[in-house]
N, C-alpha and C. Protein backbone atom coordinates (compact mmCIF):
# COMPACT_ATOMS: atom_id res chain seq x y z
N MET A 1 7.66 -7.51 9.37
CA MET A 1 6.79 -8.37 10.12
C MET A 1 6.49 -7.73 11.47
N VAL A 2 5.30 -8.00 11.99
CA VAL A 2 4.88 -7.39 13.25
C VAL A 2 4.42 -8.48 14.21
N THR A 3 4.46 -8.18 15.49
CA THR A 3 3.97 -9.10 16.51
C THR A 3 2.45 -9.09 16.52
N ILE A 4 1.88 -10.04 17.21
CA ILE A 4 0.42 -10.08 17.36
C ILE A 4 -0.06 -8.81 18.04
N GLN A 5 0.65 -8.37 19.06
CA GLN A 5 0.26 -7.16 19.79
C GLN A 5 0.34 -5.93 18.89
N GLU A 6 1.40 -5.83 18.08
CA GLU A 6 1.54 -4.70 17.17
C GLU A 6 0.44 -4.72 16.10
N ALA A 7 0.14 -5.91 15.59
CA ALA A 7 -0.91 -6.06 14.58
C ALA A 7 -2.25 -5.59 15.14
N ALA A 8 -2.55 -6.00 16.36
CA ALA A 8 -3.80 -5.62 17.00
C ALA A 8 -3.88 -4.10 17.15
N LYS A 9 -2.79 -3.50 17.53
CA LYS A 9 -2.76 -2.05 17.73
C LYS A 9 -2.93 -1.32 16.39
N ILE A 10 -2.31 -1.82 15.33
CA ILE A 10 -2.38 -1.19 14.02
C ILE A 10 -3.81 -1.13 13.51
N ILE A 11 -4.55 -2.24 13.66
CA ILE A 11 -5.91 -2.27 13.11
C ILE A 11 -6.99 -2.10 14.18
N LYS A 12 -6.54 -1.77 15.39
CA LYS A 12 -7.44 -1.42 16.49
C LYS A 12 -8.44 -2.53 16.83
N VAL A 13 -7.88 -3.72 17.05
CA VAL A 13 -8.66 -4.85 17.55
C VAL A 13 -7.87 -5.47 18.70
N SER A 14 -8.44 -6.47 19.36
CA SER A 14 -7.74 -7.10 20.48
C SER A 14 -6.73 -8.14 19.98
N ASP A 15 -5.77 -8.47 20.84
CA ASP A 15 -4.81 -9.53 20.54
C ASP A 15 -5.55 -10.83 20.25
N ARG A 16 -6.60 -11.09 21.04
CA ARG A 16 -7.38 -12.32 20.88
C ARG A 16 -7.99 -12.41 19.49
N THR A 17 -8.47 -11.27 18.97
CA THR A 17 -9.05 -11.24 17.63
C THR A 17 -8.02 -11.63 16.59
N VAL A 18 -6.81 -11.09 16.70
CA VAL A 18 -5.74 -11.42 15.76
C VAL A 18 -5.41 -12.91 15.86
N ARG A 19 -5.33 -13.44 17.07
CA ARG A 19 -5.06 -14.87 17.24
C ARG A 19 -6.18 -15.72 16.63
N ASN A 20 -7.42 -15.28 16.81
CA ASN A 20 -8.56 -16.00 16.21
C ASN A 20 -8.46 -16.00 14.68
N TRP A 21 -8.10 -14.85 14.11
CA TRP A 21 -7.96 -14.76 12.67
C TRP A 21 -6.87 -15.70 12.15
N ILE A 22 -5.79 -15.83 12.91
CA ILE A 22 -4.73 -16.77 12.53
C ILE A 22 -5.28 -18.20 12.59
N ASN A 23 -5.96 -18.53 13.68
CA ASN A 23 -6.54 -19.87 13.84
C ASN A 23 -7.58 -20.19 12.78
N ASP A 24 -8.34 -19.16 12.35
CA ASP A 24 -9.39 -19.35 11.34
C ASP A 24 -8.85 -19.31 9.91
N GLY A 25 -7.56 -19.01 9.75
CA GLY A 25 -6.95 -18.97 8.43
C GLY A 25 -7.10 -17.65 7.70
N LEU A 26 -7.60 -16.61 8.36
CA LEU A 26 -7.73 -15.29 7.72
C LEU A 26 -6.39 -14.56 7.65
N LEU A 27 -5.50 -14.88 8.55
CA LEU A 27 -4.13 -14.33 8.57
C LEU A 27 -3.16 -15.49 8.69
N THR A 28 -1.96 -15.29 8.16
CA THR A 28 -0.91 -16.30 8.28
C THR A 28 0.06 -15.88 9.36
N GLY A 29 0.19 -16.70 10.37
CA GLY A 29 1.18 -16.46 11.41
C GLY A 29 2.45 -17.22 11.09
N HIS A 30 3.58 -16.58 11.23
CA HIS A 30 4.88 -17.21 10.98
C HIS A 30 5.57 -17.42 12.31
N ARG A 31 5.89 -18.68 12.61
CA ARG A 31 6.49 -19.02 13.90
C ARG A 31 8.02 -18.98 13.80
N PHE A 32 8.64 -18.29 14.75
CA PHE A 32 10.08 -18.21 14.89
C PHE A 32 10.43 -18.72 16.28
N GLY A 33 10.53 -20.02 16.44
CA GLY A 33 10.76 -20.59 17.76
C GLY A 33 9.45 -20.94 18.43
N PRO A 34 9.52 -21.43 19.66
CA PRO A 34 8.33 -21.95 20.33
C PRO A 34 7.29 -20.89 20.71
N LYS A 35 7.70 -19.66 20.91
CA LYS A 35 6.75 -18.64 21.39
C LYS A 35 6.61 -17.42 20.48
N ILE A 36 7.47 -17.26 19.52
CA ILE A 36 7.49 -16.04 18.71
C ILE A 36 6.68 -16.23 17.43
N ILE A 37 5.64 -15.42 17.28
CA ILE A 37 4.80 -15.45 16.08
C ILE A 37 4.79 -14.04 15.48
N ARG A 38 4.97 -13.97 14.18
CA ARG A 38 4.95 -12.69 13.47
C ARG A 38 3.97 -12.76 12.30
N ILE A 39 3.47 -11.60 11.92
CA ILE A 39 2.51 -11.48 10.82
C ILE A 39 3.09 -10.48 9.83
N GLU A 40 2.94 -10.78 8.55
CA GLU A 40 3.41 -9.85 7.54
C GLU A 40 2.49 -8.63 7.50
N ARG A 41 3.09 -7.45 7.56
CA ARG A 41 2.34 -6.20 7.61
C ARG A 41 1.43 -6.04 6.39
N ALA A 42 1.92 -6.40 5.21
CA ALA A 42 1.13 -6.25 3.98
C ALA A 42 -0.11 -7.14 4.03
N GLU A 43 0.03 -8.36 4.55
CA GLU A 43 -1.12 -9.25 4.65
C GLU A 43 -2.15 -8.68 5.63
N LEU A 44 -1.66 -8.14 6.72
CA LEU A 44 -2.54 -7.54 7.73
C LEU A 44 -3.35 -6.40 7.11
N LEU A 45 -2.67 -5.51 6.41
CA LEU A 45 -3.34 -4.37 5.80
C LEU A 45 -4.24 -4.80 4.65
N GLY A 46 -3.98 -5.97 4.06
CA GLY A 46 -4.80 -6.50 2.99
C GLY A 46 -6.16 -6.99 3.44
N LEU A 47 -6.37 -7.10 4.75
CA LEU A 47 -7.68 -7.50 5.27
C LEU A 47 -8.73 -6.43 5.02
N ALA A 48 -8.30 -5.19 4.90
CA ALA A 48 -9.24 -4.08 4.73
C ALA A 48 -9.87 -4.14 3.34
N THR A 49 -11.17 -3.86 3.29
CA THR A 49 -11.86 -3.80 2.01
C THR A 49 -12.53 -2.44 1.87
N PRO A 50 -12.52 -1.88 0.68
CA PRO A 50 -13.13 -0.57 0.48
C PRO A 50 -14.64 -0.60 0.71
N VAL A 51 -15.16 0.47 1.26
CA VAL A 51 -16.60 0.61 1.48
C VAL A 51 -17.08 1.71 0.55
N ARG A 52 -18.05 1.38 -0.27
CA ARG A 52 -18.52 2.36 -1.26
C ARG A 52 -19.95 2.79 -0.96
N GLY A 53 -20.16 3.33 0.24
CA GLY A 53 -21.47 3.84 0.58
C GLY A 53 -22.50 2.80 0.95
N GLU A 54 -22.10 1.54 0.99
CA GLU A 54 -23.03 0.46 1.33
C GLU A 54 -22.75 -0.02 2.74
N GLY A 55 -23.76 -0.13 3.53
CA GLY A 55 -23.59 -0.67 4.86
C GLY A 55 -22.91 0.24 5.85
N VAL A 56 -22.82 1.51 5.52
CA VAL A 56 -22.19 2.47 6.42
C VAL A 56 -23.30 3.20 7.17
N ALA A 57 -23.28 3.12 8.48
CA ALA A 57 -24.34 3.77 9.26
C ALA A 57 -23.96 5.17 9.63
C-alpha cells in the first residue's frame, strides 16, 4: 500500500488529483486511523489503459 503522496509521484499527478479520484470512486482509499489513508499499488497501476495508436498526438 502507498500513501497519497507516493501514489501521486508514481503516476506523475498531483496529490489533489489522487484525492479527487478517491472522492469520485475511481480509486479506493483505505483509512488507518483519523488521518492515514493508503491506496493499493495494484489498483493504482490498474488505472492505466493501453493506447493502440488512437488519440496519441
